[in-house]
Amino acid sequence: MELTVTGSGNGVQVSDAAFGKEFNESLVHQVVTAYLAAGRQGSVKQKTRSEVSGGGKKPWRQKGTGRARAGTIRSPIWRGGGTTFASRPRDYSQKVNRKMYRGALRSILSELVRQERLVVVDSITPDQPRTKVFNAKLQELGVQQDALIVSDSVERNLELASRNIPNVAVSDVRGVDPVSLVAHNHVVVTVDALKKFEEMLG
């Protein structure tokens, strides 16, 4: 298939294997969910009645006081006591093999092409590291509100010019993940980065 290069009027040939796949919603959902789950810290830890300090002595004798019987001041129903079903540290990561991961990337990129949300440009790096200049370039492309900029390599000028624009993220091809692709309204990709995507996914 051929994609139009915005601003030049030229076209670039890309593989249908990478950019012409049907959208596999269940696969994308599974991979995105696994990616987000892997980012969870999972270090939550609460103490049960056996782990809370103190409470070894019976507060009062079993019978004769008129009060309810009690064996420890660290009972879960007491203030300062342990937690009944205490949270434990856990690993939230899920297994996603390489074939699934790359399949999800193909599916997302193909859907971006179908929805005309993938903008191809020859180059996106500004000549000088100025936000005003870069923002004007994004306005020309019509993606200034929310965009992921993908370049074959993130140069210093591009990084400096883009970092103060809300909802605009910059990445190289290797740093792109399924979540960043689906989280933005538009994905601006250079021709060189497009070729790298094709090598990786084609």
C-alpha atoms as a PDB file:
ATOM      1  CA  MET A   1       0.000   0.000   0.000  1.00  0.00           C
ATOM      2  CA  GLU A   2       1.021   3.627  -0.446  1.00  0.00           C
ATOM      3  CA  LEU A   3       0.876   6.316   2.223  1.00  0.00           C
ATOM      4  CA  THR A   4       0.928  10.013   1.392  1.00  0.00           C
ATOM      5  CA  VAL A   5       3.785  12.062   2.805  1.00  0.00           C
ATOM      6  CA  THR A   6       2.198  15.224   4.224  1.00  0.00           C
ATOM      7  CA  GLY A   7       3.720  18.454   2.974  1.00  0.00           C
ATOM      8  CA  SER A   8       5.524  17.003  -0.024  1.00  0.00           C
ATOM      9  CA  GLY A   9       2.718  15.307  -1.939  1.00  0.00           C
ATOM     10  CA  ASN A  10       4.907  12.259  -2.503  1.00  0.00           C
ATOM     11  CA  GLY A  11       3.978   8.749  -1.532  1.00  0.00           C
ATOM     12  CA  VAL A  12       5.839   6.009   0.306  1.00  0.00           C
ATOM     13  CA  GLN A  13       5.266   2.302  -0.219  1.00  0.00           C
ATOM     14  CA  VAL A  14       4.710   0.241   2.927  1.00  0.00           C
ATOM     15  CA  SER A  15       4.030  -3.418   3.525  1.00  0.00           C
ATOM     16  CA  ASP A  16       0.453  -4.626   3.941  1.00  0.00           C
ATOM     17  CA  ALA A  17       1.795  -7.093   6.490  1.00  0.00           C
ATOM     18  CA  ALA A  18       2.640  -4.201   8.821  1.00  0.00           C
ATOM     19  CA  PHE A  19       0.052  -1.538   7.933  1.00  0.00           C
ATOM     20  CA  GLY A  20      -2.799  -3.436   6.276  1.00  0.00           C
ATOM     21  CA  LYS A  21      -3.962  -5.833   8.967  1.00  0.00           C
ATOM     22  CA  GLU A  22      -7.512  -6.149  10.284  1.00  0.00           C
ATOM     23  CA  PHE A  23      -8.083  -4.684  13.729  1.00  0.00           C
ATOM     24  CA  ASN A  24      -7.902  -7.441  16.352  1.00  0.00           C
ATOM     25  CA  GLU A  25      -9.625  -5.800  19.303  1.00  0.00           C
ATOM     26  CA  SER A  26      -9.246  -8.723  21.705  1.00  0.00           C
ATOM     27  CA  LEU A  27      -5.498  -8.986  21.047  1.00  0.00           C
ATOM     28  CA  VAL A  28      -4.956  -5.236  21.437  1.00  0.00           C
ATOM     29  CA  HIS A  29      -6.971  -5.241  24.656  1.00  0.00           C
ATOM     30  CA  GLN A  30      -4.961  -8.140  26.067  1.00  0.00           C
ATOM     31  CA  VAL A  31      -1.592  -6.599  25.220  1.00  0.00           C
ATOM     32  CA  VAL A  32      -2.539  -3.104  26.452  1.00  0.00           C
ATOM     33  CA  THR A  33      -3.937  -4.536  29.691  1.00  0.00           C
ATOM     34  CA  ALA A  34      -0.782  -6.592  30.233  1.00  0.00           C
ATOM     35  CA  TYR A  35       1.433  -3.573  29.517  1.00  0.00           C
ATOM     36  CA  LEU A  36      -0.438  -1.416  32.043  1.00  0.00           C
ATOM     37  CA  ALA A  37      -0.463  -4.230  34.607  1.00  0.00           C
ATOM     38  CA  ALA A  38       3.306  -4.654  34.314  1.00  0.00           C
ATOM     39  CA  GLY A  39       3.722  -1.018  35.319  1.00  0.00           C
ATOM     40  CA  ARG A  40       1.920  -1.489  38.625  1.00  0.00           C
ATOM     41  CA  GLN A  41       4.120  -1.314  41.696  1.00  0.00           C
ATOM     42  CA  GLY A  42       2.447  -4.114  43.624  1.00  0.00           C
ATOM     43  CA  SER A  43       4.287  -3.356  46.872  1.00  0.00           C
ATOM     44  CA  VAL A  44       1.203  -2.888  49.069  1.00  0.00           C
ATOM     45  CA  LYS A  45       1.556  -4.564  52.470  1.00  0.00           C
ATOM     46  CA  GLN A  46      -0.779  -4.610  55.475  1.00  0.00           C
ATOM     47  CA  LYS A  47      -0.362  -6.425  58.777  1.00  0.00           C
ATOM     48  CA  THR A  48      -2.602  -9.185  60.075  1.00  0.00           C
ATOM     49  CA  ARG A  49      -3.350  -9.656  63.787  1.00  0.00           C
ATOM     50  CA  SER A  50      -0.312 -11.932  64.080  1.00  0.00           C
ATOM     51  CA  GLU A  51       2.041  -9.310  62.603  1.00  0.00           C
ATOM     52  CA  VAL A  52       0.979  -6.205  64.555  1.00  0.00           C
ATOM     53  CA  SER A  53       3.327  -5.420  67.432  1.00  0.00           C
ATOM     54  CA  GLY A  54       2.009  -6.151  70.920  1.00  0.00           C
ATOM     55  CA  GLY A  55      -1.169  -7.879  72.008  1.00  0.00           C
ATOM     56  CA  GLY A  56       0.465 -10.891  73.614  1.00  0.00           C
ATOM     57  CA  LYS A  57      -1.251 -10.412  76.962  1.00  0.00           C
ATOM     58  CA  LYS A  58      -4.938 -11.066  77.505  1.00  0.00           C
ATOM     59  CA  PRO A  59      -6.513  -7.615  78.261  1.00  0.00           C
ATOM     60  CA  TRP A  60      -8.714  -8.888  81.106  1.00  0.00           C
ATOM     61  CA  ARG A  61      -9.790 -12.173  82.553  1.00  0.00           C
ATOM     62  CA  GLN A  62     -12.226 -14.340  80.645  1.00  0.00           C
ATOM     63  CA  LYS A  63     -15.176 -14.176  83.063  1.00  0.00           C
ATOM     64  CA  GLY A  64     -16.578 -12.000  85.764  1.00  0.00           C
ATOM     65  CA  THR A  65     -15.988  -8.479  84.411  1.00  0.00           C
ATOM     66  CA  GLY A  66     -19.245  -8.104  82.513  1.00  0.00           C
ATOM     67  CA  ARG A  67     -17.315  -7.122  79.398  1.00  0.00           C
ATOM     68  CA  ALA A  68     -17.115  -9.097  76.182  1.00  0.00           C
ATOM     69  CA  ARG A  69     -14.370 -11.688  76.207  1.00  0.00           C
ATOM     70  CA  ALA A  70     -11.106 -10.631  74.553  1.00  0.00           C
ATOM     71  CA  GLY A  71      -7.828 -12.433  74.035  1.00  0.00           C
ATOM     72  CA  THR A  72      -5.696  -9.717  72.429  1.00  0.00           C
ATOM     73  CA  ILE A  73      -5.760  -5.976  71.882  1.00  0.00           C
ATOM     74  CA  ARG A  74      -4.649  -6.564  68.263  1.00  0.00           C
ATOM     75  CA  SER A  75      -7.897  -8.161  67.140  1.00  0.00           C
ATOM     76  CA  PRO A  76      -9.111  -6.771  63.766  1.00  0.00           C
ATOM     77  CA  ILE A  77     -12.218  -5.343  65.431  1.00  0.00           C
ATOM     78  CA  TRP A  78     -10.095  -3.248  67.786  1.00  0.00           C
ATOM     79  CA  ARG A  79      -8.589   0.134  67.012  1.00  0.00           C
ATOM     80  CA  GLY A  80      -4.902  -0.452  66.356  1.00  0.00           C
ATOM     81  CA  GLY A  81      -5.517  -4.095  65.554  1.00  0.00           C
ATOM     82  CA  GLY A  82      -4.514  -6.058  62.483  1.00  0.00           C
ATOM     83  CA  THR A  83      -6.325  -6.142  59.152  1.00  0.00           C
ATOM     84  CA  THR A  84      -8.654  -9.088  58.557  1.00  0.00           C
ATOM     85  CA  PHE A  85      -7.802  -9.745  54.911  1.00  0.00           C
ATOM     86  CA  ALA A  86      -4.460  -7.980  54.715  1.00  0.00           C
ATOM     87  CA  SER A  87      -3.101  -6.974  51.308  1.00  0.00           C
ATOM     88  CA  ARG A  88       0.107  -8.683  50.285  1.00  0.00           C
ATOM     89  CA  PRO A  89       2.868  -7.698  47.826  1.00  0.00           C
ATOM     90  CA  ARG A  90       2.170  -9.242  44.435  1.00  0.00           C
ATOM     91  CA  ASP A  91       3.398  -9.246  40.873  1.00  0.00           C
ATOM     92  CA  TYR A  92       0.722  -8.028  38.450  1.00  0.00           C
ATOM     93  CA  SER A  93       2.680  -8.759  35.277  1.00  0.00           C
ATOM     94  CA  GLN A  94       1.128 -11.005  32.637  1.00  0.00           C
ATOM     95  CA  LYS A  95       2.853 -13.116  30.018  1.00  0.00           C
ATOM     96  CA  VAL A  96       2.772 -11.614  26.522  1.00  0.00           C
ATOM     97  CA  ASN A  97       4.991 -13.277  23.959  1.00  0.00           C
ATOM     98  CA  ARG A  98       6.727 -11.438  21.128  1.00  0.00           C
ATOM     99  CA  LYS A  99       4.302 -12.638  18.457  1.00  0.00           C
ATOM    100  CA  MET A 100       1.314 -11.245  20.367  1.00  0.00           C
ATOM    101  CA  TYR A 101       3.072  -7.953  21.110  1.00  0.00           C
ATOM    102  CA  ARG A 102       4.070  -7.349  17.499  1.00  0.00           C
ATOM    103  CA  GLY A 103       0.651  -8.473  16.309  1.00  0.00           C
ATOM    104  CA  ALA A 104      -0.947  -5.822  18.512  1.00  0.00           C
ATOM    105  CA  LEU A 105       1.398  -3.146  17.110  1.00  0.00           C
ATOM    106  CA  ARG A 106       0.493  -4.173  13.537  1.00  0.00           C
ATOM    107  CA  SER A 107      -3.197  -4.071  14.383  1.00  0.00           C
ATOM    108  CA  ILE A 108      -2.987  -0.613  15.991  1.00  0.00           C
ATOM    109  CA  LEU A 109      -0.876   0.903  13.194  1.00  0.00           C
ATOM    110  CA  SER A 110      -3.224  -0.516  10.548  1.00  0.00           C
ATOM    111  CA  GLU A 111      -6.223   0.964  12.337  1.00  0.00           C
ATOM    112  CA  LEU A 112      -4.477   4.349  12.590  1.00  0.00           C
ATOM    113  CA  VAL A 113      -3.967   4.272   8.811  1.00  0.00           C
ATOM    114  CA  ARG A 114      -7.649   3.397   8.212  1.00  0.00           C
ATOM    115  CA  GLN A 115      -8.820   6.209  10.504  1.00  0.00           C
ATOM    116  CA  GLU A 116      -6.367   8.671   8.883  1.00  0.00           C
ATOM    117  CA  ARG A 117      -4.735   9.309  12.249  1.00  0.00           C
ATOM    118  CA  LEU A 118      -1.251   8.317  11.060  1.00  0.00           C
ATOM    119  CA  VAL A 119       0.539  11.365   9.617  1.00  0.00           C
ATOM    120  CA  VAL A 120       3.685  10.672   7.579  1.00  0.00           C
ATOM    121  CA  VAL A 121       6.279  13.444   7.165  1.00  0.00           C
ATOM    122  CA  ASP A 122       9.764  13.623   5.665  1.00  0.00           C
ATOM    123  CA  SER A 123      11.232  15.231   8.782  1.00  0.00           C
ATOM    124  CA  ILE A 124       9.862  16.639  12.020  1.00  0.00           C
ATOM    125  CA  THR A 125      13.006  17.881  13.795  1.00  0.00           C
ATOM    126  CA  PRO A 126      13.090  21.717  13.917  1.00  0.00           C
ATOM    127  CA  ASP A 127      16.208  23.662  12.927  1.00  0.00           C
ATOM    128  CA  GLN A 128      16.283  25.354  16.316  1.00  0.00           C
ATOM    129  CA  PRO A 129      15.061  24.168  19.733  1.00  0.00           C
ATOM    130  CA  ARG A 130      12.142  26.590  20.031  1.00  0.00           C
ATOM    131  CA  THR A 131       8.693  25.526  21.176  1.00  0.00           C
ATOM    132  CA  LYS A 132       6.971  28.293  19.204  1.00  0.00           C
ATOM    133  CA  VAL A 133       8.512  27.117  15.934  1.00  0.00           C
ATOM    134  CA  PHE A 134       7.706  23.475  16.607  1.00  0.00           C
ATOM    135  CA  ASN A 135       4.142  24.239  17.695  1.00  0.00           C
ATOM    136  CA  ALA A 136       3.568  26.139  14.447  1.00  0.00           C
ATOM    137  CA  LYS A 137       4.738  23.071  12.541  1.00  0.00           C
ATOM    138  CA  LEU A 138       2.291  20.887  14.443  1.00  0.00           C
ATOM    139  CA  GLN A 139      -0.507  23.341  13.644  1.00  0.00           C
ATOM    140  CA  GLU A 140       0.331  23.034   9.953  1.00  0.00           C
ATOM    141  CA  LEU A 141      -0.088  19.283  10.288  1.00  0.00           C
ATOM    142  CA  GLY A 142      -3.324  19.742  12.259  1.00  0.00           C
ATOM    143  CA  VAL A 143      -2.150  17.650  15.215  1.00  0.00           C
ATOM    144  CA  GLN A 144      -1.232  20.288  17.807  1.00  0.00           C
ATOM    145  CA  GLN A 145      -3.861  19.167  20.332  1.00  0.00           C
ATOM    146  CA  ASP A 146      -2.763  15.603  21.006  1.00  0.00           C
ATOM    147  CA  ALA A 147       0.012  13.749  19.186  1.00  0.00           C
ATOM    148  CA  LEU A 148       2.744  11.168  19.464  1.00  0.00           C
ATOM    149  CA  ILE A 149       5.826  12.102  17.429  1.00  0.00           C
ATOM    150  CA  VAL A 150       7.836   9.087  16.259  1.00  0.00           C
ATOM    151  CA  SER A 151      11.252   9.664  14.724  1.00  0.00           C
ATOM    152  CA  ASP A 152      13.999   7.216  13.827  1.00  0.00           C
ATOM    153  CA  SER A 153      16.149   8.983  16.441  1.00  0.00           C
ATOM    154  CA  VAL A 154      15.119  11.694  18.898  1.00  0.00           C
ATOM    155  CA  GLU A 155      17.507  14.583  18.321  1.00  0.00           C
ATOM    156  CA  ARG A 156      18.176  17.213  20.971  1.00  0.00           C
ATOM    157  CA  ASN A 157      16.340  20.004  19.112  1.00  0.00           C
ATOM    158  CA  LEU A 158      13.212  17.860  18.825  1.00  0.00           C
ATOM    159  CA  GLU A 159      13.306  16.918  22.489  1.00  0.00           C
ATOM    160  CA  LEU A 160      13.760  20.508  23.695  1.00  0.00           C
ATOM    161  CA  ALA A 161      11.187  22.028  21.341  1.00  0.00           C
ATOM    162  CA  SER A 162       8.435  19.544  22.209  1.00  0.00           C
ATOM    163  CA  ARG A 163       8.742  18.973  25.939  1.00  0.00           C
ATOM    164  CA  ASN A 164       6.731  22.045  26.988  1.00  0.00           C
ATOM    165  CA  ILE A 165       3.719  21.290  24.765  1.00  0.00           C
ATOM    166  CA  PRO A 166       0.847  19.572  26.620  1.00  0.00           C
ATOM    167  CA  ASN A 167      -0.316  16.181  25.291  1.00  0.00           C
ATOM    168  CA  VAL A 168       2.575  15.924  22.820  1.00  0.00           C
ATOM    169  CA  ALA A 169       5.024  13.067  23.342  1.00  0.00           C
ATOM    170  CA  VAL A 170       8.191  12.216  21.425  1.00  0.00           C
ATOM    171  CA  SER A 171       9.710   8.777  20.971  1.00  0.00           C
ATOM    172  CA  ASP A 172      11.969   6.773  18.725  1.00  0.00           C
ATOM    173  CA  VAL A 173      10.743   3.577  17.059  1.00  0.00           C
ATOM    174  CA  ARG A 174      12.128   1.272  19.753  1.00  0.00           C
ATOM    175  CA  GLY A 175      10.446   3.293  22.490  1.00  0.00           C
ATOM    176  CA  VAL A 176       6.951   3.051  21.003  1.00  0.00           C
ATOM    177  CA  ASP A 177       4.519   0.834  22.891  1.00  0.00           C
ATOM    178  CA  PRO A 178       0.841  -0.104  22.304  1.00  0.00           C
ATOM    179  CA  VAL A 179      -0.406   2.180  25.086  1.00  0.00           C
ATOM    180  CA  SER A 180       1.270   5.302  23.663  1.00  0.00           C
ATOM    181  CA  LEU A 181      -0.129   4.524  20.192  1.00  0.00           C
ATOM    182  CA  VAL A 182      -3.737   4.218  21.371  1.00  0.00           C
ATOM    183  CA  ALA A 183      -3.502   7.075  23.891  1.00  0.00           C
ATOM    184  CA  HIS A 184      -3.023   9.856  21.312  1.00  0.00           C
ATOM    185  CA  ASN A 185      -5.400  11.210  18.682  1.00  0.00           C
ATOM    186  CA  HIS A 186      -2.671  11.361  16.033  1.00  0.00           C
ATOM    187  CA  VAL A 187       0.663   9.666  15.453  1.00  0.00           C
ATOM    188  CA  VAL A 188       3.188  11.672  13.418  1.00  0.00           C
ATOM    189  CA  VAL A 189       5.885   9.414  11.999  1.00  0.00           C
ATOM    190  CA  THR A 190       8.857  10.230   9.787  1.00  0.00           C
ATOM    191  CA  VAL A 191       9.573   8.251   6.615  1.00  0.00           C
ATOM    192  CA  ASP A 192      12.737   6.786   8.152  1.00  0.00           C
ATOM    193  CA  ALA A 193      10.818   5.700  11.246  1.00  0.00           C
ATOM    194  CA  LEU A 194       8.143   4.198   9.009  1.00  0.00           C
ATOM    195  CA  LYS A 195      10.781   2.046   7.319  1.00  0.00           C
ATOM    196  CA  LYS A 196      12.048   0.899  10.719  1.00  0.00           C
ATOM    197  CA  PHE A 197       8.502  -0.059  11.711  1.00  0.00           C
ATOM    198  CA  GLU A 198       8.257  -2.035   8.484  1.00  0.00           C
ATOM    199  CA  GLU A 199      11.550  -3.840   9.160  1.00  0.00           C
ATOM    200  CA  MET A 200      10.425  -4.675  12.670  1.00  0.00           C
ATOM    201  CA  LEU A 201       6.850  -5.734  11.886  1.00  0.00           C
ATOM    202  CA  GLY A 202       6.770  -6.565   8.173  1.00  0.00           C
END
